[in-house]
Amino acid sequence: MKKSADNKNLLTAGDVARYLGVHINTVRRWEQRGILQSYRVDPKGYRWFRREEIEGFIKKVGKSEIKTEKSFNIREILNKKLW
């Protein structure tokens, strides 16, 4: 599997970072903290994200709220919007 997904429903960490307007390390950090879910389906261990899950994340948080992790507590915003 090449690094950019052949399947339009799968995004790399870089794709997600560009889509959300954040640094790729922010995407990795959110994945490690369980805020975003990734799937590692190839032997190289690349993180793959489902497009519909990222779009759901945007709907819960709001695209305008996603700038940098330093500007807000993402878990706090998610908790307010989910509960």
PDB file of N, CA and C in Angstrom:
ATOM      1  N   MET A   1       0.859  -1.177   0.000  1.00  0.00           N
ATOM      2  CA  MET A   1       0.000   0.000   0.000  1.00  0.00           C
ATOM      3  C   MET A   1       0.898   1.230   0.000  1.00  0.00           C
ATOM      4  N   LYS A   2       0.654   2.118  -0.911  1.00  0.00           N
ATOM      5  CA  LYS A   2       1.466   3.331  -0.922  1.00  0.00           C
ATOM      6  C   LYS A   2       1.028   4.273   0.183  1.00  0.00           C
ATOM      7  N   LYS A   3       1.862   5.256   0.478  1.00  0.00           N
ATOM      8  CA  LYS A   3       1.635   6.100   1.652  1.00  0.00           C
ATOM      9  C   LYS A   3       0.362   6.937   1.573  1.00  0.00           C
ATOM     10  N   SER A   4      -0.011   7.446   0.412  1.00  0.00           N
ATOM     11  CA  SER A   4      -1.299   8.142   0.338  1.00  0.00           C
ATOM     12  C   SER A   4      -2.352   7.096  -0.001  1.00  0.00           C
ATOM     13  N   ALA A   5      -3.431   7.114   0.716  1.00  0.00           N
ATOM     14  CA  ALA A   5      -4.417   6.036   0.646  1.00  0.00           C
ATOM     15  C   ALA A   5      -5.075   5.970  -0.721  1.00  0.00           C
ATOM     16  N   ASP A   6      -5.163   4.759  -1.255  1.00  0.00           N
ATOM     17  CA  ASP A   6      -5.912   4.538  -2.492  1.00  0.00           C
ATOM     18  C   ASP A   6      -7.399   4.668  -2.216  1.00  0.00           C
ATOM     19  N   ASN A   7      -7.801   4.263  -1.040  1.00  0.00           N
ATOM     20  CA  ASN A   7      -9.197   4.316  -0.641  1.00  0.00           C
ATOM     21  C   ASN A   7      -9.521   5.740  -0.194  1.00  0.00           C
ATOM     22  N   LYS A   8     -10.531   6.346  -0.780  1.00  0.00           N
ATOM     23  CA  LYS A   8     -10.877   7.735  -0.448  1.00  0.00           C
ATOM     24  C   LYS A   8     -11.409   7.882   0.970  1.00  0.00           C
ATOM     25  N   ASN A   9     -11.750   6.770   1.615  1.00  0.00           N
ATOM     26  CA  ASN A   9     -12.276   6.828   2.975  1.00  0.00           C
ATOM     27  C   ASN A   9     -11.186   6.795   4.031  1.00  0.00           C
ATOM     28  N   LEU A  10      -9.952   6.564   3.629  1.00  0.00           N
ATOM     29  CA  LEU A  10      -8.839   6.527   4.577  1.00  0.00           C
ATOM     30  C   LEU A  10      -7.930   7.724   4.373  1.00  0.00           C
ATOM     31  N   LEU A  11      -7.505   8.313   5.477  1.00  0.00           N
ATOM     32  CA  LEU A  11      -6.624   9.482   5.447  1.00  0.00           C
ATOM     33  C   LEU A  11      -5.375   9.192   6.255  1.00  0.00           C
ATOM     34  N   THR A  12      -4.246   9.722   5.808  1.00  0.00           N
ATOM     35  CA  THR A  12      -3.022   9.640   6.596  1.00  0.00           C
ATOM     36  C   THR A  12      -3.058  10.710   7.680  1.00  0.00           C
ATOM     37  N   ALA A  13      -2.125  10.640   8.607  1.00  0.00           N
ATOM     38  CA  ALA A  13      -2.020  11.679   9.646  1.00  0.00           C
ATOM     39  C   ALA A  13      -1.782  13.043   9.003  1.00  0.00           C
ATOM     40  N   GLY A  14      -0.991  13.074   7.955  1.00  0.00           N
ATOM     41  CA  GLY A  14      -0.739  14.329   7.236  1.00  0.00           C
ATOM     42  C   GLY A  14      -1.996  14.877   6.581  1.00  0.00           C
ATOM     43  N   ASP A  15      -2.783  13.979   5.988  1.00  0.00           N
ATOM     44  CA  ASP A  15      -4.061  14.389   5.383  1.00  0.00           C
ATOM     45  C   ASP A  15      -4.976  15.005   6.443  1.00  0.00           C
ATOM     46  N   VAL A  16      -5.065  14.343   7.597  1.00  0.00           N
ATOM     47  CA  VAL A  16      -5.927  14.826   8.686  1.00  0.00           C
ATOM     48  C   VAL A  16      -5.433  16.186   9.180  1.00  0.00           C
ATOM     49  N   ALA A  17      -4.127  16.326   9.329  1.00  0.00           N
ATOM     50  CA  ALA A  17      -3.555  17.594   9.791  1.00  0.00           C
ATOM     51  C   ALA A  17      -3.930  18.731   8.840  1.00  0.00           C
ATOM     52  N   ARG A  18      -3.782  18.498   7.543  1.00  0.00           N
ATOM     53  CA  ARG A  18      -4.144  19.535   6.564  1.00  0.00           C
ATOM     54  C   ARG A  18      -5.642  19.819   6.602  1.00  0.00           C
ATOM     55  N   TYR A  19      -6.443  18.783   6.716  1.00  0.00           N
ATOM     56  CA  TYR A  19      -7.900  18.915   6.737  1.00  0.00           C
ATOM     57  C   TYR A  19      -8.373  19.716   7.954  1.00  0.00           C
ATOM     58  N   LEU A  20      -7.735  19.472   9.103  1.00  0.00           N
ATOM     59  CA  LEU A  20      -8.115  20.168  10.341  1.00  0.00           C
ATOM     60  C   LEU A  20      -7.390  21.495  10.527  1.00  0.00           C
ATOM     61  N   GLY A  21      -6.313  21.701   9.784  1.00  0.00           N
ATOM     62  CA  GLY A  21      -5.539  22.933   9.919  1.00  0.00           C
ATOM     63  C   GLY A  21      -4.659  22.948  11.149  1.00  0.00           C
ATOM     64  N   VAL A  22      -4.150  21.767  11.539  1.00  0.00           N
ATOM     65  CA  VAL A  22      -3.259  21.661  12.690  1.00  0.00           C
ATOM     66  C   VAL A  22      -1.964  20.974  12.261  1.00  0.00           C
ATOM     67  N   HIS A  23      -0.979  20.995  13.130  1.00  0.00           N
ATOM     68  CA  HIS A  23       0.290  20.346  12.850  1.00  0.00           C
ATOM     69  C   HIS A  23       0.117  18.829  12.942  1.00  0.00           C
ATOM     70  N   ILE A  24       0.882  18.107  12.157  1.00  0.00           N
ATOM     71  CA  ILE A  24       0.798  16.646  12.160  1.00  0.00           C
ATOM     72  C   ILE A  24       1.073  16.056  13.544  1.00  0.00           C
ATOM     73  N   ASN A  25       1.942  16.695  14.316  1.00  0.00           N
ATOM     74  CA  ASN A  25       2.219  16.203  15.670  1.00  0.00           C
ATOM     75  C   ASN A  25       0.988  16.337  16.580  1.00  0.00           C
ATOM     76  N   THR A  26       0.152  17.332  16.311  1.00  0.00           N
ATOM     77  CA  THR A  26      -1.087  17.481  17.069  1.00  0.00           C
ATOM     78  C   THR A  26      -2.009  16.297  16.780  1.00  0.00           C
ATOM     79  N   VAL A  27      -2.102  15.906  15.524  1.00  0.00           N
ATOM     80  CA  VAL A  27      -2.914  14.744  15.149  1.00  0.00           C
ATOM     81  C   VAL A  27      -2.380  13.497  15.850  1.00  0.00           C
ATOM     82  N   ARG A  28      -1.073  13.311  15.825  1.00  0.00           N
ATOM     83  CA  ARG A  28      -0.464  12.150  16.489  1.00  0.00           C
ATOM     84  C   ARG A  28      -0.742  12.158  17.990  1.00  0.00           C
ATOM     85  N   ARG A  29      -0.622  13.330  18.595  1.00  0.00           N
ATOM     86  CA  ARG A  29      -0.865  13.463  20.036  1.00  0.00           C
ATOM     87  C   ARG A  29      -2.319  13.147  20.370  1.00  0.00           C
ATOM     88  N   TRP A  30      -3.264  13.666  19.569  1.00  0.00           N
ATOM     89  CA  TRP A  30      -4.678  13.393  19.794  1.00  0.00           C
ATOM     90  C   TRP A  30      -4.971  11.910  19.638  1.00  0.00           C
ATOM     91  N   GLU A  31      -4.294  11.266  18.694  1.00  0.00           N
ATOM     92  CA  GLU A  31      -4.481   9.825  18.511  1.00  0.00           C
ATOM     93  C   GLU A  31      -3.948   9.067  19.725  1.00  0.00           C
ATOM     94  N   GLN A  32      -2.792   9.453  20.211  1.00  0.00           N
ATOM     95  CA  GLN A  32      -2.195   8.789  21.377  1.00  0.00           C
ATOM     96  C   GLN A  32      -3.055   8.975  22.629  1.00  0.00           C
ATOM     97  N   ARG A  33      -3.739  10.096  22.739  1.00  0.00           N
ATOM     98  CA  ARG A  33      -4.586  10.384  23.905  1.00  0.00           C
ATOM     99  C   ARG A  33      -6.007   9.846  23.746  1.00  0.00           C
ATOM    100  N   GLY A  34      -6.300   9.233  22.607  1.00  0.00           N
ATOM    101  CA  GLY A  34      -7.613   8.644  22.396  1.00  0.00           C
ATOM    102  C   GLY A  34      -8.669   9.619  21.906  1.00  0.00           C
ATOM    103  N   ILE A  35      -8.267  10.810  21.523  1.00  0.00           N
ATOM    104  CA  ILE A  35      -9.211  11.804  21.025  1.00  0.00           C
ATOM    105  C   ILE A  35      -9.610  11.464  19.591  1.00  0.00           C
ATOM    106  N   LEU A  36      -8.651  11.032  18.802  1.00  0.00           N
ATOM    107  CA  LEU A  36      -8.902  10.533  17.452  1.00  0.00           C
ATOM    108  C   LEU A  36      -8.517   9.064  17.421  1.00  0.00           C
ATOM    109  N   GLN A  37      -9.211   8.293  16.610  1.00  0.00           N
ATOM    110  CA  GLN A  37      -8.886   6.875  16.498  1.00  0.00           C
ATOM    111  C   GLN A  37      -8.212   6.623  15.158  1.00  0.00           C
ATOM    112  N   SER A  38      -7.111   5.876  15.215  1.00  0.00           N
ATOM    113  CA  SER A  38      -6.439   5.507  13.981  1.00  0.00           C
ATOM    114  C   SER A  38      -6.405   3.993  13.858  1.00  0.00           C
ATOM    115  N   TYR A  39      -6.091   3.554  12.663  1.00  0.00           N
ATOM    116  CA  TYR A  39      -5.988   2.135  12.359  1.00  0.00           C
ATOM    117  C   TYR A  39      -4.647   1.899  11.688  1.00  0.00           C
ATOM    118  N   ARG A  40      -3.961   0.890  12.127  1.00  0.00           N
ATOM    119  CA  ARG A  40      -2.662   0.547  11.527  1.00  0.00           C
ATOM    120  C   ARG A  40      -2.840  -0.768  10.802  1.00  0.00           C
ATOM    121  N   VAL A  41      -2.984  -0.673   9.495  1.00  0.00           N
ATOM    122  CA  VAL A  41      -3.334  -1.850   8.708  1.00  0.00           C
ATOM    123  C   VAL A  41      -2.245  -2.294   7.745  1.00  0.00           C
ATOM    124  N   ASP A  42      -1.149  -1.578   7.729  1.00  0.00           N
ATOM    125  CA  ASP A  42      -0.075  -1.994   6.836  1.00  0.00           C
ATOM    126  C   ASP A  42       1.155  -2.360   7.649  1.00  0.00           C
ATOM    127  N   PRO A  43       2.086  -3.079   7.060  1.00  0.00           N
ATOM    128  CA  PRO A  43       3.263  -3.552   7.797  1.00  0.00           C
ATOM    129  C   PRO A  43       4.162  -2.429   8.331  1.00  0.00           C
ATOM    130  N   LYS A  44       4.112  -1.259   7.712  1.00  0.00           N
ATOM    131  CA  LYS A  44       4.970  -0.158   8.149  1.00  0.00           C
ATOM    132  C   LYS A  44       4.402   0.573   9.360  1.00  0.00           C
ATOM    133  N   GLY A  45       3.162   0.313   9.719  1.00  0.00           N
ATOM    134  CA  GLY A  45       2.580   0.909  10.919  1.00  0.00           C
ATOM    135  C   GLY A  45       2.081   2.328  10.762  1.00  0.00           C
ATOM    136  N   TYR A  46       1.836   2.759   9.518  1.00  0.00           N
ATOM    137  CA  TYR A  46       1.290   4.103   9.317  1.00  0.00           C
ATOM    138  C   TYR A  46      -0.074   4.213   9.981  1.00  0.00           C
ATOM    139  N   ARG A  47      -0.370   5.393  10.496  1.00  0.00           N
ATOM    140  CA  ARG A  47      -1.691   5.653  11.070  1.00  0.00           C
ATOM    141  C   ARG A  47      -2.644   6.002   9.940  1.00  0.00           C
ATOM    142  N   TRP A  48      -3.781   5.332   9.905  1.00  0.00           N
ATOM    143  CA  TRP A  48      -4.821   5.641   8.942  1.00  0.00           C
ATOM    144  C   TRP A  48      -6.072   6.047   9.710  1.00  0.00           C
ATOM    145  N   PHE A  49      -6.733   7.058   9.235  1.00  0.00           N
ATOM    146  CA  PHE A  49      -7.929   7.590   9.888  1.00  0.00           C
ATOM    147  C   PHE A  49      -9.093   7.486   8.916  1.00  0.00           C
ATOM    148  N   ARG A  50     -10.247   7.136   9.424  1.00  0.00           N
ATOM    149  CA  ARG A  50     -11.439   7.067   8.585  1.00  0.00           C
ATOM    150  C   ARG A  50     -12.009   8.459   8.398  1.00  0.00           C
ATOM    151  N   ARG A  51     -12.265   8.795   7.146  1.00  0.00           N
ATOM    152  CA  ARG A  51     -12.784  10.125   6.804  1.00  0.00           C
ATOM    153  C   ARG A  51     -14.060  10.447   7.579  1.00  0.00           C
ATOM    154  N   GLU A  52     -14.975   9.491   7.667  1.00  0.00           N
ATOM    155  CA  GLU A  52     -16.258   9.766   8.351  1.00  0.00           C
ATOM    156  C   GLU A  52     -16.055  10.033   9.841  1.00  0.00           C
ATOM    157  N   GLU A  53     -15.047   9.428  10.457  1.00  0.00           N
ATOM    158  CA  GLU A  53     -14.769   9.691  11.871  1.00  0.00           C
ATOM    159  C   GLU A  53     -14.186  11.088  12.061  1.00  0.00           C
ATOM    160  N   ILE A  54     -13.350  11.518  11.127  1.00  0.00           N
ATOM    161  CA  ILE A  54     -12.778  12.871  11.201  1.00  0.00           C
ATOM    162  C   ILE A  54     -13.886  13.902  10.979  1.00  0.00           C
ATOM    163  N   GLU A  55     -14.773  13.637  10.034  1.00  0.00           N
ATOM    164  CA  GLU A  55     -15.886  14.553   9.802  1.00  0.00           C
ATOM    165  C   GLU A  55     -16.810  14.609  11.017  1.00  0.00           C
ATOM    166  N   GLY A  56     -17.013  13.480  11.693  1.00  0.00           N
ATOM    167  CA  GLY A  56     -17.797  13.459  12.923  1.00  0.00           C
ATOM    168  C   GLY A  56     -17.127  14.260  14.027  1.00  0.00           C
ATOM    169  N   PHE A  57     -15.803  14.169  14.108  1.00  0.00           N
ATOM    170  CA  PHE A  57     -15.025  14.939  15.076  1.00  0.00           C
ATOM    171  C   PHE A  57     -15.222  16.430  14.830  1.00  0.00           C
ATOM    172  N   ILE A  58     -15.178  16.835  13.569  1.00  0.00           N
ATOM    173  CA  ILE A  58     -15.366  18.247  13.222  1.00  0.00           C
ATOM    174  C   ILE A  58     -16.763  18.717  13.621  1.00  0.00           C
ATOM    175  N   LYS A  59     -17.761  17.881  13.395  1.00  0.00           N
ATOM    176  CA  LYS A  59     -19.135  18.256  13.764  1.00  0.00           C
ATOM    177  C   LYS A  59     -19.276  18.416  15.272  1.00  0.00           C
ATOM    178  N   LYS A  60     -18.614  17.555  16.042  1.00  0.00           N
ATOM    179  CA  LYS A  60     -18.704  17.632  17.503  1.00  0.00           C
ATOM    180  C   LYS A  60     -17.978  18.850  18.055  1.00  0.00           C
ATOM    181  N   VAL A  61     -16.807  19.121  17.509  1.00  0.00           N
ATOM    182  CA  VAL A  61     -15.969  20.198  18.047  1.00  0.00           C
ATOM    183  C   VAL A  61     -16.258  21.522  17.350  1.00  0.00           C
ATOM    184  N   GLY A  62     -16.464  21.483  16.069  1.00  0.00           N
ATOM    185  CA  GLY A  62     -16.638  22.704  15.284  1.00  0.00           C
ATOM    186  C   GLY A  62     -15.323  23.091  14.637  1.00  0.00           C
ATOM    187  N   LYS A  63     -15.333  23.232  13.334  1.00  0.00           N
ATOM    188  CA  LYS A  63     -14.106  23.522  12.577  1.00  0.00           C
ATOM    189  C   LYS A  63     -13.424  24.797  13.073  1.00  0.00           C
ATOM    190  N   SER A  64     -14.210  25.800  13.438  1.00  0.00           N
ATOM    191  CA  SER A  64     -13.613  27.062  13.886  1.00  0.00           C
ATOM    192  C   SER A  64     -12.909  26.913  15.234  1.00  0.00           C
ATOM    193  N   GLU A  65     -13.268  25.888  16.019  1.00  0.00           N
ATOM    194  CA  GLU A  65     -12.640  25.661  17.323  1.00  0.00           C
ATOM    195  C   GLU A  65     -11.275  24.986  17.194  1.00  0.00           C
ATOM    196  N   ILE A  66     -11.031  24.337  16.063  1.00  0.00           N
ATOM    197  CA  ILE A  66      -9.802  23.569  15.890  1.00  0.00           C
ATOM    198  C   ILE A  66      -8.733  24.489  15.319  1.00  0.00           C
ATOM    199  N   LYS A  67      -7.830  24.918  16.184  1.00  0.00           N
ATOM    200  CA  LYS A  67      -6.721  25.754  15.723  1.00  0.00           C
ATOM    201  C   LYS A  67      -5.419  25.116  16.166  1.00  0.00           C
ATOM    202  N   THR A  68      -5.163  25.157  17.451  1.00  0.00           N
ATOM    203  CA  THR A  68      -4.009  24.453  18.003  1.00  0.00           C
ATOM    204  C   THR A  68      -4.408  23.887  19.347  1.00  0.00           C
ATOM    205  N   GLU A  69      -3.726  22.885  19.758  1.00  0.00           N
ATOM    206  CA  GLU A  69      -4.027  22.266  21.044  1.00  0.00           C
ATOM    207  C   GLU A  69      -3.818  23.255  22.184  1.00  0.00           C
ATOM    208  N   LYS A  70      -2.908  24.217  22.004  1.00  0.00           N
ATOM    209  CA  LYS A  70      -2.608  25.182  23.065  1.00  0.00           C
ATOM    210  C   LYS A  70      -3.755  26.172  23.277  1.00  0.00           C
ATOM    211  N   SER A  71      -4.566  26.401  22.254  1.00  0.00           N
ATOM    212  CA  SER A  71      -5.599  27.431  22.372  1.00  0.00           C
ATOM    213  C   SER A  71      -6.849  26.952  23.098  1.00  0.00           C
ATOM    214  N   PHE A  72      -6.988  25.649  23.323  1.00  0.00           N
ATOM    215  CA  PHE A  72      -8.135  25.145  24.049  1.00  0.00           C
ATOM    216  C   PHE A  72      -7.869  23.734  24.535  1.00  0.00           C
ATOM    217  N   ASN A  73      -8.698  23.293  25.436  1.00  0.00           N
ATOM    218  CA  ASN A  73      -8.624  21.924  25.916  1.00  0.00           C
ATOM    219  C   ASN A  73      -9.638  21.113  25.118  1.00  0.00           C
ATOM    220  N   ILE A  74      -9.169  20.334  24.175  1.00  0.00           N
ATOM    221  CA  ILE A  74     -10.043  19.606  23.257  1.00  0.00           C
ATOM    222  C   ILE A  74     -10.983  18.657  23.995  1.00  0.00           C
ATOM    223  N   ARG A  75     -10.499  18.024  25.044  1.00  0.00           N
ATOM    224  CA  ARG A  75     -11.352  17.098  25.808  1.00  0.00           C
ATOM    225  C   ARG A  75     -12.504  17.846  26.467  1.00  0.00           C
ATOM    226  N   GLU A  76     -12.226  19.025  26.969  1.00  0.00           N
ATOM    227  CA  GLU A  76     -13.259  19.840  27.605  1.00  0.00           C
ATOM    228  C   GLU A  76     -14.361  20.182  26.600  1.00  0.00           C
ATOM    229  N   ILE A  77     -13.980  20.590  25.422  1.00  0.00           N
ATOM    230  CA  ILE A  77     -14.944  20.935  24.383  1.00  0.00           C
ATOM    231  C   ILE A  77     -15.737  19.700  23.981  1.00  0.00           C
ATOM    232  N   LEU A  78     -15.055  18.562  23.794  1.00  0.00           N
ATOM    233  CA  LEU A  78     -15.751  17.335  23.427  1.00  0.00           C
ATOM    234  C   LEU A  78     -16.748  16.929  24.512  1.00  0.00           C
ATOM    235  N   ASN A  79     -16.354  17.018  25.767  1.00  0.00           N
ATOM    236  CA  ASN A  79     -17.250  16.645  26.850  1.00  0.00           C
ATOM    237  C   ASN A  79     -18.487  17.529  26.879  1.00  0.00           C
ATOM    238  N   LYS A  80     -18.332  18.825  26.654  1.00  0.00           N
ATOM    239  CA  LYS A  80     -19.467  19.738  26.639  1.00  0.00           C
ATOM    240  C   LYS A  80     -20.415  19.397  25.489  1.00  0.00           C
ATOM    241  N   LYS A  81     -19.872  19.063  24.337  1.00  0.00           N
ATOM    242  CA  LYS A  81     -20.700  18.829  23.158  1.00  0.00           C
ATOM    243  C   LYS A  81     -21.299  17.433  23.156  1.00  0.00           C
ATOM    244  N   LEU A  82     -20.665  16.470  23.840  1.00  0.00           N
ATOM    245  CA  LEU A  82     -21.147  15.098  23.793  1.00  0.00           C
ATOM    246  C   LEU A  82     -22.142  14.799  24.903  1.00  0.00           C
ATOM    247  N   TRP A  83     -22.068  15.489  26.021  1.00  0.00           N
ATOM    248  CA  TRP A  83     -22.914  15.125  27.154  1.00  0.00           C
ATOM    249  C   TRP A  83     -23.935  16.183  27.435  1.00  0.00           C
TER     250      TRP A  83
END
